[in-house]
C-alpha atoms as a PDB file:
ATOM      1  CA  MET A   1     -20.587  12.020 -11.157  1.00  0.00           C
ATOM      2  CA  LYS A   2     -18.709  12.428 -14.539  1.00  0.00           C
ATOM      3  CA  THR A   3     -20.340  15.175 -16.895  1.00  0.00           C
ATOM      4  CA  ASP A   4     -21.885  12.386 -18.948  1.00  0.00           C
ATOM      5  CA  GLN A   5     -24.360  11.607 -15.541  1.00  0.00           C
ATOM      6  CA  TYR A   6     -23.792   8.132 -16.265  1.00  0.00           C
ATOM      7  CA  LEU A   7     -21.623   6.166 -13.235  1.00  0.00           C
ATOM      8  CA  ARG A   8     -19.433   4.348 -15.175  1.00  0.00           C
ATOM      9  CA  VAL A   9     -18.976   0.819 -13.375  1.00  0.00           C
ATOM     10  CA  VAL A  10     -16.831  -2.321 -13.808  1.00  0.00           C
ATOM     11  CA  ILE A  11     -17.844  -5.592 -12.099  1.00  0.00           C
ATOM     12  CA  ALA A  12     -15.816  -8.400 -11.364  1.00  0.00           C
ATOM     13  CA  ASP A  13     -16.185 -11.852 -10.177  1.00  0.00           C
ATOM     14  CA  ASP A  14     -14.614 -15.316 -11.069  1.00  0.00           C
ATOM     15  CA  GLN A  15     -18.361 -16.424 -12.085  1.00  0.00           C
ATOM     16  CA  PRO A  16     -19.417 -15.155 -15.281  1.00  0.00           C
ATOM     17  CA  LEU A  17     -23.588 -15.810 -14.097  1.00  0.00           C
ATOM     18  CA  ILE A  18     -22.705 -13.096 -11.638  1.00  0.00           C
ATOM     19  CA  ARG A  19     -21.455 -11.208 -14.083  1.00  0.00           C
ATOM     20  CA  SER A  20     -24.492 -11.399 -16.088  1.00  0.00           C
ATOM     21  CA  GLY A  21     -26.717 -11.310 -13.316  1.00  0.00           C
ATOM     22  CA  LEU A  22     -25.075  -7.691 -12.426  1.00  0.00           C
ATOM     23  CA  GLU A  23     -25.149  -6.162 -16.017  1.00  0.00           C
ATOM     24  CA  ALA A  24     -28.542  -7.001 -15.949  1.00  0.00           C
ATOM     25  CA  PHE A  25     -28.584  -5.309 -12.882  1.00  0.00           C
ATOM     26  CA  LEU A  26     -26.931  -2.250 -14.980  1.00  0.00           C
ATOM     27  CA  MET A  27     -29.460  -2.191 -17.789  1.00  0.00           C
ATOM     28  CA  ILE A  28     -32.757  -2.008 -15.678  1.00  0.00           C
ATOM     29  CA  PHE A  29     -31.021   1.150 -13.141  1.00  0.00           C
ATOM     30  CA  GLY A  30     -30.277   3.649 -16.097  1.00  0.00           C
ATOM     31  CA  GLU A  31     -28.123   5.901 -14.755  1.00  0.00           C
ATOM     32  CA  MET A  32     -25.231   3.294 -14.858  1.00  0.00           C
ATOM     33  CA  ARG A  33     -23.153   1.675 -17.741  1.00  0.00           C
ATOM     34  CA  LEU A  34     -20.849  -0.921 -17.774  1.00  0.00           C
ATOM     35  CA  VAL A  35     -17.513  -0.001 -19.305  1.00  0.00           C
ATOM     36  CA  GLY A  36     -15.691  -3.566 -18.862  1.00  0.00           C
ATOM     37  CA  GLU A  37     -15.950  -6.840 -16.597  1.00  0.00           C
ATOM     38  CA  ALA A  38     -13.104  -8.781 -14.967  1.00  0.00           C
ATOM     39  CA  GLN A  39     -12.664 -12.191 -13.129  1.00  0.00           C
ATOM     40  CA  ASP A  40     -10.036 -11.312 -10.688  1.00  0.00           C
ATOM     41  CA  GLY A  41      -8.086  -8.712  -9.480  1.00  0.00           C
ATOM     42  CA  LYS A  42      -5.704  -8.022 -11.424  1.00  0.00           C
ATOM     43  CA  GLU A  43      -7.591  -7.648 -14.482  1.00  0.00           C
ATOM     44  CA  VAL A  44      -9.628  -5.116 -12.115  1.00  0.00           C
ATOM     45  CA  LEU A  45      -6.258  -3.175 -11.971  1.00  0.00           C
ATOM     46  CA  GLU A  46      -6.067  -3.126 -15.873  1.00  0.00           C
ATOM     47  CA  LEU A  47      -9.093  -2.257 -16.470  1.00  0.00           C
ATOM     48  CA  CYS A  48      -8.968   0.962 -14.213  1.00  0.00           C
ATOM     49  CA  ASP A  49      -6.273   2.498 -15.830  1.00  0.00           C
ATOM     50  CA  LEU A  50      -7.952   1.597 -19.024  1.00  0.00           C
ATOM     51  CA  VAL A  51     -11.343   2.633 -18.615  1.00  0.00           C
ATOM     52  CA  GLU A  52     -11.135   5.239 -15.647  1.00  0.00           C
ATOM     53  CA  PRO A  53     -14.284   3.783 -14.109  1.00  0.00           C
ATOM     54  CA  ASP A  54     -16.345   5.471 -10.994  1.00  0.00           C
ATOM     55  CA  VAL A  55     -17.387   2.645  -8.981  1.00  0.00           C
ATOM     56  CA  VAL A  56     -16.249  -1.234  -9.301  1.00  0.00           C
ATOM     57  CA  LEU A  57     -18.730  -3.829  -8.239  1.00  0.00           C
ATOM     58  CA  MET A  58     -16.357  -6.576  -7.017  1.00  0.00           C
ATOM     59  CA  ASP A  59     -16.490 -10.188  -5.471  1.00  0.00           C
ATOM     60  CA  VAL A  60     -14.139 -10.389  -2.597  1.00  0.00           C
ATOM     61  CA  ASP A  61     -12.761 -13.956  -3.373  1.00  0.00           C
ATOM     62  CA  MET A  62     -11.525 -14.627  -6.854  1.00  0.00           C
ATOM     63  CA  PRO A  63      -8.157 -16.483  -7.620  1.00  0.00           C
ATOM     64  CA  ARG A  64      -5.029 -14.607  -8.295  1.00  0.00           C
ATOM     65  CA  MET A  65      -5.766 -11.439  -6.656  1.00  0.00           C
ATOM     66  CA  GLY A  66      -8.960 -10.916  -4.106  1.00  0.00           C
ATOM     67  CA  GLY A  67     -10.789  -8.194  -4.171  1.00  0.00           C
ATOM     68  CA  MET A  68      -9.767  -6.936  -0.743  1.00  0.00           C
ATOM     69  CA  GLU A  69      -6.216  -6.819  -2.163  1.00  0.00           C
ATOM     70  CA  ALA A  70      -6.876  -5.048  -5.440  1.00  0.00           C
ATOM     71  CA  THR A  71      -8.681  -2.571  -3.468  1.00  0.00           C
ATOM     72  CA  ARG A  72      -6.412  -1.662  -1.675  1.00  0.00           C
ATOM     73  CA  GLN A  73      -4.569  -1.017  -4.564  1.00  0.00           C
ATOM     74  CA  ILE A  74      -6.941   0.917  -6.478  1.00  0.00           C
ATOM     75  CA  GLY A  75      -6.964   3.078  -3.169  1.00  0.00           C
ATOM     76  CA  LYS A  76      -3.485   4.046  -3.618  1.00  0.00           C
ATOM     77  CA  ARG A  77      -3.273   4.209  -7.442  1.00  0.00           C
ATOM     78  CA  TRP A  78      -6.913   5.500  -7.889  1.00  0.00           C
ATOM     79  CA  PRO A  79      -8.393   7.114  -4.652  1.00  0.00           C
ATOM     80  CA  LYS A  80     -11.145   8.762  -6.259  1.00  0.00           C
ATOM     81  CA  ILE A  81     -12.683   5.175  -7.543  1.00  0.00           C
ATOM     82  CA  LYS A  82     -15.331   3.858  -4.956  1.00  0.00           C
ATOM     83  CA  VAL A  83     -15.155   0.236  -4.662  1.00  0.00           C
ATOM     84  CA  VAL A  84     -18.019  -2.067  -3.791  1.00  0.00           C
ATOM     85  CA  LEU A  85     -17.164  -5.040  -2.283  1.00  0.00           C
ATOM     86  CA  LEU A  86     -19.515  -8.534  -2.757  1.00  0.00           C
ATOM     87  CA  GLY A  87     -19.493 -11.249  -0.618  1.00  0.00           C
ATOM     88  CA  ASP A  88     -21.281 -14.166   1.386  1.00  0.00           C
ATOM     89  CA  SER A  89     -20.106 -13.515   4.743  1.00  0.00           C
ATOM     90  CA  LYS A  90     -21.983 -11.918   7.227  1.00  0.00           C
ATOM     91  CA  GLU A  91     -19.693 -11.866   9.695  1.00  0.00           C
ATOM     92  CA  PRO A  92     -18.483  -8.271  11.338  1.00  0.00           C
ATOM     93  CA  GLY A  93     -14.857  -9.183  10.933  1.00  0.00           C
ATOM     94  CA  VAL A  94     -14.883  -9.586   7.151  1.00  0.00           C
ATOM     95  CA  VAL A  95     -17.188  -6.330   6.612  1.00  0.00           C
ATOM     96  CA  GLN A  96     -14.287  -4.263   8.316  1.00  0.00           C
ATOM     97  CA  ALA A  97     -11.674  -6.039   6.832  1.00  0.00           C
ATOM     98  CA  SER A  98     -13.109  -5.134   3.682  1.00  0.00           C
ATOM     99  CA  LEU A  99     -13.777  -1.818   5.151  1.00  0.00           C
ATOM    100  CA  ASP A 100     -10.147  -1.678   6.428  1.00  0.00           C
ATOM    101  CA  ALA A 101      -8.996  -2.154   3.012  1.00  0.00           C
ATOM    102  CA  GLY A 102     -10.664   0.853   1.667  1.00  0.00           C
ATOM    103  CA  ALA A 103     -14.064  -0.306  -0.088  1.00  0.00           C
ATOM    104  CA  ALA A 104     -16.913   2.127   0.524  1.00  0.00           C
ATOM    105  CA  LEU A 105     -19.326  -0.711   1.194  1.00  0.00           C
ATOM    106  CA  TYR A 106     -19.311  -4.215   1.298  1.00  0.00           C
ATOM    107  CA  LEU A 107     -22.680  -6.193   1.097  1.00  0.00           C
ATOM    108  CA  THR A 108     -23.772  -9.450   0.944  1.00  0.00           C
ATOM    109  CA  LYS A 109     -24.777 -11.367  -2.662  1.00  0.00           C
ATOM    110  CA  ASP A 110     -28.304 -11.850  -1.387  1.00  0.00           C
ATOM    111  CA  ILE A 111     -29.108  -7.944  -1.569  1.00  0.00           C
ATOM    112  CA  ALA A 112     -32.123  -6.908  -3.664  1.00  0.00           C
ATOM    113  CA  ALA A 113     -31.218  -5.101  -6.889  1.00  0.00           C
ATOM    114  CA  ASN A 114     -33.346  -2.179  -5.690  1.00  0.00           C
ATOM    115  CA  ASP A 115     -31.093  -1.790  -2.437  1.00  0.00           C
ATOM    116  CA  LEU A 116     -27.922  -2.177  -4.583  1.00  0.00           C
ATOM    117  CA  ASP A 117     -28.590   0.428  -6.360  1.00  0.00           C
ATOM    118  CA  GLN A 118     -29.524   2.525  -3.627  1.00  0.00           C
ATOM    119  CA  ALA A 119     -26.223   1.741  -2.195  1.00  0.00           C
ATOM    120  CA  ILE A 120     -24.168   2.987  -4.856  1.00  0.00           C
ATOM    121  CA  HIS A 121     -26.623   6.015  -5.302  1.00  0.00           C
ATOM    122  CA  LYS A 122     -25.632   7.125  -1.701  1.00  0.00           C
ATOM    123  CA  ILE A 123     -21.581   6.700  -2.582  1.00  0.00           C
ATOM    124  CA  PHE A 124     -22.209   9.475  -5.287  1.00  0.00           C
ATOM    125  CA  GLU A 125     -24.714  11.542  -3.671  1.00  0.00           C
ATOM    126  CA  HIS A 126     -21.889  14.264  -2.635  1.00  0.00           C
ATOM    127  CA  LEU A 127     -20.980  14.502  -6.203  1.00  0.00           C
ATOM    128  CA  ARG A 128     -24.460  15.518  -7.342  1.00  0.00           C
END
């Protein structure tokens, strides 16, 4: 975790309502700070270069560049950034493809806010 004790988070989803919901989630759980929002994978890569987040909460399906391809590129360029892919599918093949792309986690969008908070913090437990 960064020395300021906050997890720096980028949110990426092509749907403004989803981005707003995730932003509200971050406001509830005080150890996380939103440092950028993106509508697609290409914007995520630009943001990672500018703001160096700890974690990216990213939709699997987005225009221009989807979440899995963006995750692969993040892993190559910024291996310390953790990606949590969010999707609608519960199919094991989608989950495995997400992990194979380099995601730290794949979660379905129907996850409860408390469970999402716990999942993100489990990623960073070893940094405390």
